């Protein structure tokens, strides 16, 4: 089981579904949320400002929507990658989006911290697929 997941999505229904599914399936103990990329960046800024062990207490997984107002998922990745990814080697990102644009899939591959791209809404099948990835196997063996 993963200790903590951060869900970043402007759709409150999607956030609620993700939270319930992650907890009820035993995928994650704790689920934090942010409604856009800027709130997610603030989450990590606060973690580093207020936590003596930010790498130990950061989420292991970020479920990131890409189409959001204020700061979208790509803008978040553009900021997160140089500021936090090296400091948080145990945190990976899964893009959870309804996009079908091939450019989005290609762009996701440019970020090593993005381990997968899955379609909304989050489902039990998606979670089973994630559990089988090399990064996740250590949490679910």
N, C-alpha and C. Protein backbone atom coordinates (compact mmCIF):
# COMPACT_ATOMS: atom_id res chain seq x y z
N UNK A 1 0.84 -1.19 0.00
CA UNK A 1 0.00 0.00 0.00
C UNK A 1 0.88 1.24 0.00
N UNK A 2 0.44 2.22 -0.75
CA UNK A 2 1.14 3.50 -0.78
C UNK A 2 0.71 4.31 0.44
N UNK A 3 1.64 5.01 1.02
CA UNK A 3 1.32 5.83 2.18
C UNK A 3 0.51 7.05 1.79
N UNK A 4 0.95 7.78 0.73
CA UNK A 4 0.27 9.03 0.41
C UNK A 4 0.24 9.28 -1.10
N UNK A 5 -0.93 9.76 -1.56
CA UNK A 5 -1.13 10.15 -2.95
C UNK A 5 -1.63 11.59 -2.95
N UNK A 6 -1.15 12.39 -3.90
CA UNK A 6 -1.68 13.73 -4.12
C UNK A 6 -2.44 13.72 -5.44
N UNK A 7 -3.74 14.06 -5.39
CA UNK A 7 -4.57 14.16 -6.59
C UNK A 7 -4.70 15.63 -6.95
N UNK A 8 -4.36 15.98 -8.18
CA UNK A 8 -4.43 17.36 -8.65
C UNK A 8 -5.43 17.41 -9.80
N UNK A 9 -6.58 18.04 -9.54
CA UNK A 9 -7.65 18.07 -10.53
C UNK A 9 -8.62 19.19 -10.16
N UNK A 10 -9.09 19.93 -11.15
CA UNK A 10 -10.05 21.00 -10.89
C UNK A 10 -11.48 20.49 -10.81
N UNK A 11 -11.71 19.24 -11.18
CA UNK A 11 -13.04 18.64 -11.15
C UNK A 11 -13.27 17.98 -9.79
N UNK A 12 -14.13 18.58 -8.98
CA UNK A 12 -14.34 18.06 -7.62
C UNK A 12 -14.95 16.66 -7.62
N UNK A 13 -15.74 16.34 -8.62
CA UNK A 13 -16.30 14.99 -8.70
C UNK A 13 -15.19 13.97 -8.95
N UNK A 14 -14.29 14.28 -9.87
CA UNK A 14 -13.15 13.39 -10.14
C UNK A 14 -12.27 13.24 -8.90
N UNK A 15 -12.07 14.34 -8.18
CA UNK A 15 -11.27 14.27 -6.95
C UNK A 15 -11.92 13.35 -5.93
N UNK A 16 -13.22 13.48 -5.76
CA UNK A 16 -13.95 12.66 -4.80
C UNK A 16 -13.90 11.19 -5.18
N UNK A 17 -14.13 10.89 -6.47
CA UNK A 17 -14.06 9.51 -6.94
C UNK A 17 -12.67 8.93 -6.70
N UNK A 18 -11.65 9.70 -7.04
CA UNK A 18 -10.27 9.23 -6.85
C UNK A 18 -9.97 8.97 -5.39
N UNK A 19 -10.35 9.91 -4.52
CA UNK A 19 -10.11 9.74 -3.08
C UNK A 19 -10.76 8.46 -2.57
N UNK A 20 -12.04 8.29 -2.88
CA UNK A 20 -12.77 7.11 -2.40
C UNK A 20 -12.16 5.82 -2.94
N UNK A 21 -11.86 5.80 -4.22
CA UNK A 21 -11.30 4.60 -4.83
C UNK A 21 -9.93 4.25 -4.26
N UNK A 22 -9.08 5.24 -4.11
CA UNK A 22 -7.73 5.00 -3.59
C UNK A 22 -7.76 4.45 -2.17
N UNK A 23 -8.67 4.95 -1.36
CA UNK A 23 -8.77 4.50 0.04
C UNK A 23 -9.50 3.16 0.15
N UNK A 24 -10.62 3.02 -0.53
CA UNK A 24 -11.44 1.80 -0.39
C UNK A 24 -10.78 0.57 -0.98
N UNK A 25 -9.93 0.74 -1.97
CA UNK A 25 -9.25 -0.41 -2.57
C UNK A 25 -7.96 -0.75 -1.83
N UNK A 26 -7.61 0.06 -0.82
CA UNK A 26 -6.37 -0.18 -0.10
C UNK A 26 -5.14 0.22 -0.88
N UNK A 27 -5.30 1.06 -1.89
CA UNK A 27 -4.16 1.52 -2.69
C UNK A 27 -3.33 2.51 -1.91
N UNK A 28 -3.99 3.41 -1.16
CA UNK A 28 -3.28 4.45 -0.41
C UNK A 28 -3.92 4.65 0.96
N UNK A 29 -3.09 4.98 1.92
CA UNK A 29 -3.56 5.27 3.27
C UNK A 29 -4.11 6.68 3.35
N UNK A 30 -3.40 7.61 2.73
CA UNK A 30 -3.76 9.02 2.80
C UNK A 30 -3.84 9.60 1.39
N UNK A 31 -4.85 10.44 1.17
CA UNK A 31 -5.01 11.09 -0.14
C UNK A 31 -5.18 12.59 0.09
N UNK A 32 -4.24 13.36 -0.42
CA UNK A 32 -4.32 14.81 -0.37
C UNK A 32 -4.78 15.30 -1.74
N UNK A 33 -5.34 16.52 -1.77
CA UNK A 33 -5.84 17.04 -3.03
C UNK A 33 -5.39 18.48 -3.26
N UNK A 34 -5.37 18.85 -4.54
CA UNK A 34 -5.12 20.23 -4.96
C UNK A 34 -6.01 20.47 -6.18
N UNK A 35 -6.54 21.68 -6.30
CA UNK A 35 -7.49 21.94 -7.38
C UNK A 35 -6.85 22.48 -8.66
N UNK A 36 -5.56 22.74 -8.63
CA UNK A 36 -4.84 23.14 -9.84
C UNK A 36 -3.34 23.05 -9.58
N UNK A 37 -2.58 23.29 -10.62
CA UNK A 37 -1.12 23.18 -10.50
C UNK A 37 -0.50 24.13 -9.51
N UNK A 38 -1.05 25.34 -9.40
CA UNK A 38 -0.46 26.31 -8.46
C UNK A 38 -0.67 25.86 -7.02
N UNK A 39 -1.83 25.28 -6.73
CA UNK A 39 -2.08 24.77 -5.38
C UNK A 39 -1.19 23.56 -5.09
N UNK A 40 -0.93 22.75 -6.11
CA UNK A 40 -0.03 21.61 -5.94
C UNK A 40 1.41 22.08 -5.68
N UNK A 41 1.85 23.11 -6.40
CA UNK A 41 3.19 23.66 -6.14
C UNK A 41 3.28 24.21 -4.72
N UNK A 42 2.23 24.89 -4.30
CA UNK A 42 2.19 25.43 -2.94
C UNK A 42 2.27 24.29 -1.91
N UNK A 43 1.63 23.18 -2.20
CA UNK A 43 1.68 21.99 -1.35
C UNK A 43 3.15 21.58 -1.12
N UNK A 44 3.93 21.50 -2.21
CA UNK A 44 5.33 21.09 -2.10
C UNK A 44 6.20 22.18 -1.47
N UNK A 45 5.91 23.44 -1.77
CA UNK A 45 6.64 24.54 -1.11
C UNK A 45 6.43 24.48 0.40
N UNK A 46 5.20 24.26 0.84
CA UNK A 46 4.90 24.14 2.27
C UNK A 46 5.57 22.92 2.89
N UNK A 47 5.59 21.83 2.14
CA UNK A 47 6.24 20.62 2.63
C UNK A 47 7.71 20.89 2.92
N UNK A 48 8.40 21.56 2.00
CA UNK A 48 9.82 21.84 2.20
C UNK A 48 10.06 22.93 3.24
N UNK A 49 9.12 23.84 3.41
CA UNK A 49 9.28 24.92 4.38
C UNK A 49 8.98 24.46 5.81
N UNK A 50 8.08 23.49 5.96
CA UNK A 50 7.58 23.15 7.30
C UNK A 50 7.89 21.75 7.79
N UNK A 51 8.39 20.89 6.94
CA UNK A 51 8.62 19.50 7.34
C UNK A 51 10.12 19.24 7.44
N UNK A 52 10.59 18.72 8.57
CA UNK A 52 12.03 18.46 8.70
C UNK A 52 12.51 17.32 7.79
N UNK A 53 11.59 16.47 7.34
CA UNK A 53 11.93 15.36 6.45
C UNK A 53 11.01 15.34 5.23
N UNK A 54 11.11 16.35 4.36
CA UNK A 54 10.15 16.44 3.25
C UNK A 54 10.17 15.22 2.32
N UNK A 55 11.34 14.67 2.06
CA UNK A 55 11.41 13.52 1.15
C UNK A 55 10.71 12.30 1.75
N UNK A 56 10.76 12.16 3.06
CA UNK A 56 10.11 11.03 3.72
C UNK A 56 8.59 11.20 3.81
N UNK A 57 8.13 12.43 3.80
CA UNK A 57 6.70 12.69 4.00
C UNK A 57 5.97 13.17 2.75
N UNK A 58 6.68 13.21 1.64
CA UNK A 58 6.05 13.59 0.37
C UNK A 58 5.20 12.43 -0.14
N UNK A 59 4.22 12.72 -0.97
CA UNK A 59 3.45 11.63 -1.57
C UNK A 59 4.33 10.79 -2.49
N UNK A 60 4.07 9.49 -2.51
CA UNK A 60 4.81 8.63 -3.43
C UNK A 60 4.27 8.76 -4.85
N UNK A 61 3.02 9.20 -4.95
CA UNK A 61 2.38 9.28 -6.25
C UNK A 61 1.58 10.57 -6.36
N UNK A 62 1.68 11.20 -7.53
CA UNK A 62 0.85 12.36 -7.87
C UNK A 62 -0.01 11.95 -9.06
N UNK A 63 -1.33 12.05 -8.90
CA UNK A 63 -2.25 11.86 -10.01
C UNK A 63 -2.57 13.25 -10.53
N UNK A 64 -2.14 13.55 -11.75
CA UNK A 64 -2.17 14.90 -12.28
C UNK A 64 -3.06 15.02 -13.50
N UNK A 65 -4.08 15.87 -13.41
CA UNK A 65 -4.88 16.23 -14.58
C UNK A 65 -4.07 17.26 -15.36
N UNK A 66 -4.28 17.34 -16.67
CA UNK A 66 -3.52 18.34 -17.42
C UNK A 66 -4.35 19.55 -17.82
N UNK A 67 -5.65 19.38 -17.98
CA UNK A 67 -6.49 20.50 -18.40
C UNK A 67 -7.18 21.13 -17.19
N UNK A 68 -6.54 22.17 -16.66
CA UNK A 68 -7.06 22.88 -15.49
C UNK A 68 -6.86 24.37 -15.68
N UNK A 69 -7.76 25.18 -15.09
CA UNK A 69 -7.54 26.63 -15.13
C UNK A 69 -6.44 27.03 -14.16
N UNK A 70 -6.10 28.27 -14.13
CA UNK A 70 -5.07 28.88 -13.28
C UNK A 70 -3.69 28.36 -13.68
N UNK A 71 -3.37 27.09 -13.36
CA UNK A 71 -2.11 26.47 -13.78
C UNK A 71 -2.42 25.04 -14.19
N UNK A 72 -2.21 24.72 -15.47
CA UNK A 72 -2.52 23.38 -15.94
C UNK A 72 -1.41 22.39 -15.56
N UNK A 73 -1.62 21.14 -15.91
CA UNK A 73 -0.67 20.10 -15.56
C UNK A 73 0.70 20.27 -16.19
N UNK A 74 0.74 20.75 -17.42
CA UNK A 74 2.04 20.96 -18.08
C UNK A 74 2.81 22.08 -17.39
N UNK A 75 2.11 23.15 -17.05
CA UNK A 75 2.76 24.26 -16.34
C UNK A 75 3.27 23.78 -14.97
N UNK A 76 2.48 22.95 -14.31
CA UNK A 76 2.92 22.38 -13.03
C UNK A 76 4.20 21.57 -13.22
N UNK A 77 4.21 20.68 -14.21
CA UNK A 77 5.40 19.86 -14.46
C UNK A 77 6.62 20.71 -14.79
N UNK A 78 6.40 21.78 -15.56
CA UNK A 78 7.49 22.68 -15.93
C UNK A 78 8.13 23.31 -14.67
N UNK A 79 7.33 23.60 -13.67
CA UNK A 79 7.84 24.17 -12.41
C UNK A 79 8.34 23.09 -11.45
N UNK A 80 7.58 22.01 -11.32
CA UNK A 80 7.89 20.95 -10.36
C UNK A 80 9.21 20.26 -10.70
N UNK A 81 9.40 19.95 -11.98
CA UNK A 81 10.55 19.16 -12.38
C UNK A 81 11.89 19.74 -11.91
N UNK A 82 12.22 20.98 -12.21
CA UNK A 82 13.53 21.50 -11.76
C UNK A 82 13.59 21.79 -10.26
N UNK A 83 12.45 22.08 -9.66
CA UNK A 83 12.46 22.48 -8.24
C UNK A 83 12.38 21.30 -7.26
N UNK A 84 11.67 20.24 -7.63
CA UNK A 84 11.39 19.21 -6.64
C UNK A 84 11.72 17.77 -7.05
N UNK A 85 11.73 17.46 -8.33
CA UNK A 85 11.84 16.04 -8.70
C UNK A 85 13.14 15.39 -8.21
N UNK A 86 14.27 16.08 -8.27
CA UNK A 86 15.53 15.50 -7.79
C UNK A 86 15.53 15.33 -6.27
N UNK A 87 14.83 16.22 -5.57
CA UNK A 87 14.76 16.16 -4.11
C UNK A 87 13.77 15.11 -3.62
N UNK A 88 12.90 14.66 -4.53
CA UNK A 88 11.86 13.69 -4.17
C UNK A 88 11.93 12.47 -5.10
N UNK A 89 13.00 11.69 -4.99
CA UNK A 89 13.17 10.57 -5.92
C UNK A 89 12.13 9.47 -5.74
N UNK A 90 11.44 9.44 -4.62
CA UNK A 90 10.42 8.42 -4.39
C UNK A 90 9.02 8.90 -4.75
N UNK A 91 8.93 10.02 -5.45
CA UNK A 91 7.64 10.54 -5.90
C UNK A 91 7.59 10.44 -7.42
N UNK A 92 6.56 9.78 -7.91
CA UNK A 92 6.34 9.64 -9.35
C UNK A 92 5.00 10.27 -9.70
N UNK A 93 4.83 10.59 -10.98
CA UNK A 93 3.61 11.25 -11.44
C UNK A 93 2.92 10.36 -12.48
N UNK A 94 1.61 10.26 -12.33
CA UNK A 94 0.76 9.62 -13.32
C UNK A 94 -0.19 10.69 -13.82
N UNK A 95 -0.21 10.88 -15.12
CA UNK A 95 -1.16 11.84 -15.69
C UNK A 95 -2.50 11.12 -15.84
N UNK A 96 -3.51 11.70 -15.21
CA UNK A 96 -4.87 11.17 -15.24
C UNK A 96 -5.72 12.20 -15.98
N UNK A 97 -6.03 11.91 -17.24
CA UNK A 97 -6.67 12.92 -18.07
C UNK A 97 -7.63 12.30 -19.08
N UNK A 98 -8.55 13.11 -19.55
CA UNK A 98 -9.49 12.66 -20.58
C UNK A 98 -9.01 13.03 -21.98
N UNK A 99 -7.82 13.58 -22.10
CA UNK A 99 -7.31 14.00 -23.41
C UNK A 99 -7.08 12.81 -24.33
N UNK A 100 -7.24 13.07 -25.62
CA UNK A 100 -6.90 12.06 -26.62
C UNK A 100 -5.89 12.64 -27.63
N UNK A 101 -5.34 13.79 -27.29
CA UNK A 101 -4.40 14.49 -28.16
C UNK A 101 -3.04 13.78 -28.15
N UNK A 102 -2.58 13.29 -29.30
CA UNK A 102 -1.28 12.61 -29.36
C UNK A 102 -0.12 13.48 -28.88
N UNK A 103 -0.25 14.79 -29.04
CA UNK A 103 0.81 15.70 -28.58
C UNK A 103 0.96 15.63 -27.05
N UNK A 104 -0.16 15.46 -26.34
CA UNK A 104 -0.10 15.33 -24.89
C UNK A 104 0.67 14.06 -24.49
N UNK A 105 0.41 12.96 -25.18
CA UNK A 105 1.12 11.71 -24.88
C UNK A 105 2.61 11.86 -25.16
N UNK A 106 2.95 12.54 -26.25
CA UNK A 106 4.36 12.77 -26.59
C UNK A 106 5.03 13.69 -25.57
N UNK A 107 4.32 14.73 -25.16
CA UNK A 107 4.87 15.67 -24.19
C UNK A 107 5.13 14.99 -22.84
N UNK A 108 4.24 14.10 -22.43
CA UNK A 108 4.41 13.39 -21.16
C UNK A 108 5.71 12.60 -21.14
N UNK A 109 6.12 12.07 -22.28
CA UNK A 109 7.34 11.27 -22.36
C UNK A 109 8.59 12.10 -22.16
N UNK A 110 8.48 13.42 -22.26
CA UNK A 110 9.63 14.29 -22.07
C UNK A 110 9.97 14.51 -20.59
N UNK A 111 9.08 14.05 -19.71
CA UNK A 111 9.30 14.21 -18.27
C UNK A 111 9.57 12.85 -17.65
N UNK A 112 10.82 12.58 -17.26
CA UNK A 112 11.15 11.28 -16.66
C UNK A 112 10.34 10.96 -15.39
N UNK A 113 9.88 11.98 -14.69
CA UNK A 113 9.12 11.77 -13.46
C UNK A 113 7.70 11.27 -13.75
N UNK A 114 7.25 11.39 -15.01
CA UNK A 114 5.93 10.89 -15.40
C UNK A 114 6.08 9.42 -15.77
N UNK A 115 5.48 8.55 -14.95
CA UNK A 115 5.63 7.12 -15.19
C UNK A 115 4.55 6.52 -16.07
N UNK A 116 3.39 7.20 -16.15
CA UNK A 116 2.31 6.64 -16.94
C UNK A 116 1.27 7.71 -17.26
N UNK A 117 0.46 7.40 -18.26
CA UNK A 117 -0.62 8.28 -18.70
C UNK A 117 -1.86 7.40 -18.71
N UNK A 118 -2.86 7.71 -17.88
CA UNK A 118 -4.09 6.91 -17.86
C UNK A 118 -5.31 7.80 -18.07
N UNK A 119 -6.36 7.19 -18.59
CA UNK A 119 -7.58 7.94 -18.91
C UNK A 119 -8.49 8.06 -17.71
N UNK A 120 -9.15 9.23 -17.65
CA UNK A 120 -10.16 9.47 -16.63
C UNK A 120 -11.41 8.68 -16.98
N UNK A 121 -12.21 8.35 -16.01
CA UNK A 121 -12.00 8.49 -14.58
C UNK A 121 -11.10 7.37 -14.05
N UNK A 122 -10.54 7.59 -12.89
CA UNK A 122 -9.73 6.57 -12.25
C UNK A 122 -10.61 5.35 -12.00
N UNK A 123 -10.06 4.16 -12.22
CA UNK A 123 -10.84 2.93 -12.04
C UNK A 123 -10.01 1.88 -11.33
N UNK A 124 -10.67 0.83 -10.89
CA UNK A 124 -9.97 -0.28 -10.26
C UNK A 124 -8.98 -0.89 -11.27
N UNK A 125 -9.38 -0.96 -12.53
CA UNK A 125 -8.49 -1.50 -13.56
C UNK A 125 -7.22 -0.65 -13.70
N UNK A 126 -7.39 0.68 -13.66
CA UNK A 126 -6.22 1.58 -13.72
C UNK A 126 -5.29 1.32 -12.55
N UNK A 127 -5.87 1.16 -11.37
CA UNK A 127 -5.06 0.94 -10.17
C UNK A 127 -4.32 -0.40 -10.24
N UNK A 128 -4.98 -1.43 -10.75
CA UNK A 128 -4.32 -2.73 -10.91
C UNK A 128 -3.16 -2.61 -11.90
N UNK A 129 -3.37 -1.86 -12.97
CA UNK A 129 -2.32 -1.63 -13.95
C UNK A 129 -1.14 -0.89 -13.32
N UNK A 130 -1.44 0.12 -12.49
CA UNK A 130 -0.37 0.86 -11.81
C UNK A 130 0.41 -0.03 -10.85
N UNK A 131 -0.30 -0.89 -10.13
CA UNK A 131 0.37 -1.78 -9.17
C UNK A 131 1.40 -2.67 -9.85
N UNK A 132 1.18 -2.97 -11.13
CA UNK A 132 2.07 -3.87 -11.86
C UNK A 132 3.31 -3.17 -12.42
N UNK A 133 3.38 -1.84 -12.34
CA UNK A 133 4.55 -1.12 -12.86
C UNK A 133 5.75 -1.36 -11.95
N UNK A 134 6.95 -1.31 -12.49
CA UNK A 134 8.15 -1.55 -11.67
C UNK A 134 8.24 -0.64 -10.44
N UNK A 135 7.89 0.63 -10.60
CA UNK A 135 7.97 1.56 -9.47
C UNK A 135 7.01 1.18 -8.35
N UNK A 136 5.83 0.71 -8.69
CA UNK A 136 4.78 0.44 -7.70
C UNK A 136 4.89 -0.95 -7.06
N UNK A 137 5.56 -1.87 -7.72
CA UNK A 137 5.61 -3.25 -7.21
C UNK A 137 6.11 -3.33 -5.78
N UNK A 138 7.05 -2.47 -5.42
CA UNK A 138 7.62 -2.51 -4.06
C UNK A 138 6.59 -2.20 -2.99
N UNK A 139 5.53 -1.47 -3.35
CA UNK A 139 4.49 -1.12 -2.38
C UNK A 139 3.40 -2.18 -2.27
N UNK A 140 3.33 -3.08 -3.25
CA UNK A 140 2.22 -4.02 -3.31
C UNK A 140 2.67 -5.48 -3.42
N UNK A 141 3.84 -5.79 -2.91
CA UNK A 141 4.30 -7.17 -3.02
C UNK A 141 3.80 -8.03 -1.88
